[in-house]
Amino acid sequence: MMTTAEIVRAIHDLDDSGVREIITAVNIIYNMRMGEKLATITAILKAADRVRFIGSDSPILPRGTEGTILKINAKSVSVDFASFGRWRLPAMLLEPVARVLERYI
């Protein structure tokens, strides 16, 4: 198997069309992996479950804010974060609260 450095050198030696093919292939593979990950996470979540926001901290929705799932869609989850309002987020930015608590038990 090639190392990352070897792959980068090989890509550097490609012409424009070769680089374009690599970018297209990487995007396809990445999207497939993210789709599989999203499907797995979404299968774990259920409406009315308590979840914690694990995305990047922001003044609008701080990291660690807990909320209740309202609805689960194919690509997003609607969550009521009480005083922070209702948000539609990718499931990858959420973590079930029960799972968080299991780490400390």
C-alpha atoms as a PDB file:
ATOM      1  CA  MET A   1       0.000   0.000   0.000  1.00  0.00           C
ATOM      2  CA  MET A   2       1.229   3.499  -0.833  1.00  0.00           C
ATOM      3  CA  THR A   3       1.857   6.072   1.853  1.00  0.00           C
ATOM      4  CA  THR A   4       0.084   9.403   1.736  1.00  0.00           C
ATOM      5  CA  ALA A   5       3.310  11.110   0.684  1.00  0.00           C
ATOM      6  CA  GLU A   6       3.689   8.657  -2.239  1.00  0.00           C
ATOM      7  CA  ILE A   7       0.100   9.280  -3.305  1.00  0.00           C
ATOM      8  CA  VAL A   8       0.617  13.057  -3.220  1.00  0.00           C
ATOM      9  CA  ARG A   9       3.777  12.719  -5.348  1.00  0.00           C
ATOM     10  CA  ALA A  10       1.919  10.518  -7.844  1.00  0.00           C
ATOM     11  CA  ILE A  11      -0.943  13.019  -8.058  1.00  0.00           C
ATOM     12  CA  HIS A  12       1.554  15.852  -8.541  1.00  0.00           C
ATOM     13  CA  ASP A  13       2.893  14.090 -11.636  1.00  0.00           C
ATOM     14  CA  LEU A  14      -0.567  13.801 -13.254  1.00  0.00           C
ATOM     15  CA  ASP A  15      -1.871  16.135 -15.924  1.00  0.00           C
ATOM     16  CA  ASP A  16      -5.021  18.228 -15.350  1.00  0.00           C
ATOM     17  CA  SER A  17      -7.444  15.560 -16.545  1.00  0.00           C
ATOM     18  CA  GLY A  18      -5.807  12.974 -14.271  1.00  0.00           C
ATOM     19  CA  VAL A  19      -6.087  15.282 -11.258  1.00  0.00           C
ATOM     20  CA  ARG A  20      -9.740  15.931 -12.153  1.00  0.00           C
ATOM     21  CA  GLU A  21     -10.378  12.150 -12.228  1.00  0.00           C
ATOM     22  CA  ILE A  22      -8.736  11.745  -8.811  1.00  0.00           C
ATOM     23  CA  ILE A  23     -10.824  14.563  -7.321  1.00  0.00           C
ATOM     24  CA  THR A  24     -14.023  13.045  -8.731  1.00  0.00           C
ATOM     25  CA  ALA A  25     -13.156   9.586  -7.365  1.00  0.00           C
ATOM     26  CA  VAL A  26     -12.271  10.977  -3.925  1.00  0.00           C
ATOM     27  CA  ASN A  27     -15.529  12.933  -3.775  1.00  0.00           C
ATOM     28  CA  ILE A  28     -17.543   9.843  -4.682  1.00  0.00           C
ATOM     29  CA  ILE A  29     -15.799   7.711  -2.054  1.00  0.00           C
ATOM     30  CA  TYR A  30     -16.107  10.422   0.612  1.00  0.00           C
ATOM     31  CA  ASN A  31     -19.821  10.948  -0.082  1.00  0.00           C
ATOM     32  CA  MET A  32     -20.465   7.194   0.083  1.00  0.00           C
ATOM     33  CA  ARG A  33     -18.673   6.935   3.444  1.00  0.00           C
ATOM     34  CA  MET A  34     -20.512   9.952   4.866  1.00  0.00           C
ATOM     35  CA  GLY A  35     -23.818   8.520   3.615  1.00  0.00           C
ATOM     36  CA  GLU A  36     -23.120   5.216   5.348  1.00  0.00           C
ATOM     37  CA  LYS A  37     -22.112   6.998   8.548  1.00  0.00           C
ATOM     38  CA  LEU A  38     -25.205   9.213   8.422  1.00  0.00           C
ATOM     39  CA  ALA A  39     -27.473   6.193   7.889  1.00  0.00           C
ATOM     40  CA  THR A  40     -25.912   4.409  10.869  1.00  0.00           C
ATOM     41  CA  ILE A  41     -26.306   7.404  13.173  1.00  0.00           C
ATOM     42  CA  THR A  42     -29.844   8.130  11.972  1.00  0.00           C
ATOM     43  CA  ALA A  43     -30.831   4.489  12.618  1.00  0.00           C
ATOM     44  CA  ILE A  44     -29.779   4.871  16.260  1.00  0.00           C
ATOM     45  CA  LEU A  45     -31.805   8.044  16.841  1.00  0.00           C
ATOM     46  CA  LYS A  46     -35.564   8.135  17.451  1.00  0.00           C
ATOM     47  CA  ALA A  47     -38.095  10.933  17.838  1.00  0.00           C
ATOM     48  CA  ALA A  48     -38.330  12.210  21.446  1.00  0.00           C
ATOM     49  CA  ASP A  49     -34.746  11.060  22.239  1.00  0.00           C
ATOM     50  CA  ARG A  50     -32.527  13.503  24.113  1.00  0.00           C
ATOM     51  CA  VAL A  51     -29.415  14.479  22.167  1.00  0.00           C
ATOM     52  CA  ARG A  52     -26.371  16.676  22.659  1.00  0.00           C
ATOM     53  CA  PHE A  53     -24.974  18.996  19.998  1.00  0.00           C
ATOM     54  CA  ILE A  54     -21.343  17.992  19.300  1.00  0.00           C
ATOM     55  CA  GLY A  55     -20.669  20.366  16.422  1.00  0.00           C
ATOM     56  CA  SER A  56     -18.427  23.416  16.542  1.00  0.00           C
ATOM     57  CA  ASP A  57     -19.096  25.844  19.361  1.00  0.00           C
ATOM     58  CA  SER A  58     -20.879  29.020  18.295  1.00  0.00           C
ATOM     59  CA  PRO A  59     -22.668  31.880  20.039  1.00  0.00           C
ATOM     60  CA  ILE A  60     -25.916  30.787  18.379  1.00  0.00           C
ATOM     61  CA  LEU A  61     -25.795  27.109  19.398  1.00  0.00           C
ATOM     62  CA  PRO A  62     -23.035  26.237  21.897  1.00  0.00           C
ATOM     63  CA  ARG A  63     -21.363  22.828  21.828  1.00  0.00           C
ATOM     64  CA  GLY A  64     -22.873  20.525  24.455  1.00  0.00           C
ATOM     65  CA  THR A  65     -26.378  22.006  24.244  1.00  0.00           C
ATOM     66  CA  GLU A  66     -29.003  19.328  24.857  1.00  0.00           C
ATOM     67  CA  GLY A  67     -32.294  19.057  23.050  1.00  0.00           C
ATOM     68  CA  THR A  68     -35.131  16.732  22.091  1.00  0.00           C
ATOM     69  CA  ILE A  69     -35.520  15.175  18.635  1.00  0.00           C
ATOM     70  CA  LEU A  70     -38.719  16.273  16.930  1.00  0.00           C
ATOM     71  CA  LYS A  71     -38.365  14.577  13.548  1.00  0.00           C
ATOM     72  CA  ILE A  72     -35.811  12.506  11.646  1.00  0.00           C
ATOM     73  CA  ASN A  73     -35.422  12.969   7.903  1.00  0.00           C
ATOM     74  CA  ALA A  74     -33.126  11.220   5.448  1.00  0.00           C
ATOM     75  CA  LYS A  75     -30.452  13.938   5.599  1.00  0.00           C
ATOM     76  CA  SER A  76     -31.254  15.888   8.760  1.00  0.00           C
ATOM     77  CA  VAL A  77     -32.717  15.741  12.241  1.00  0.00           C
ATOM     78  CA  SER A  78     -35.042  18.409  13.664  1.00  0.00           C
ATOM     79  CA  VAL A  79     -34.198  19.151  17.287  1.00  0.00           C
ATOM     80  CA  ASP A  80     -35.781  21.454  19.853  1.00  0.00           C
ATOM     81  CA  PHE A  81     -32.978  23.054  21.868  1.00  0.00           C
ATOM     82  CA  ALA A  82     -35.433  24.984  24.118  1.00  0.00           C
ATOM     83  CA  SER A  83     -34.083  28.527  24.573  1.00  0.00           C
ATOM     84  CA  PHE A  84     -31.818  28.119  21.505  1.00  0.00           C
ATOM     85  CA  GLY A  85     -34.811  27.294  19.304  1.00  0.00           C
ATOM     86  CA  ARG A  86     -35.525  24.527  16.858  1.00  0.00           C
ATOM     87  CA  TRP A  87     -32.749  23.450  14.535  1.00  0.00           C
ATOM     88  CA  ARG A  88     -32.434  21.113  11.550  1.00  0.00           C
ATOM     89  CA  LEU A  89     -28.979  19.500  11.685  1.00  0.00           C
ATOM     90  CA  PRO A  90     -27.094  16.589  10.137  1.00  0.00           C
ATOM     91  CA  ALA A  91     -27.243  13.581  12.472  1.00  0.00           C
ATOM     92  CA  MET A  92     -23.418  13.554  12.613  1.00  0.00           C
ATOM     93  CA  LEU A  93     -23.550  16.696  14.757  1.00  0.00           C
ATOM     94  CA  LEU A  94     -25.661  14.988  17.414  1.00  0.00           C
ATOM     95  CA  GLU A  95     -24.952  12.435  20.104  1.00  0.00           C
ATOM     96  CA  PRO A  96     -27.578  10.638  22.205  1.00  0.00           C
ATOM     97  CA  VAL A  97     -27.432  11.908  25.794  1.00  0.00           C
ATOM     98  CA  ALA A  98     -27.716   8.363  27.185  1.00  0.00           C
ATOM     99  CA  ARG A  99     -24.563   7.370  25.281  1.00  0.00           C
ATOM    100  CA  VAL A 100     -22.717  10.346  26.756  1.00  0.00           C
ATOM    101  CA  LEU A 101     -23.741   9.302  30.251  1.00  0.00           C
ATOM    102  CA  GLU A 102     -22.630   5.677  29.668  1.00  0.00           C
ATOM    103  CA  ARG A 103     -19.013   6.862  29.372  1.00  0.00           C
ATOM    104  CA  TYR A 104     -19.055   7.973  32.992  1.00  0.00           C
ATOM    105  CA  ILE A 105     -20.859   4.983  34.513  1.00  0.00           C
END
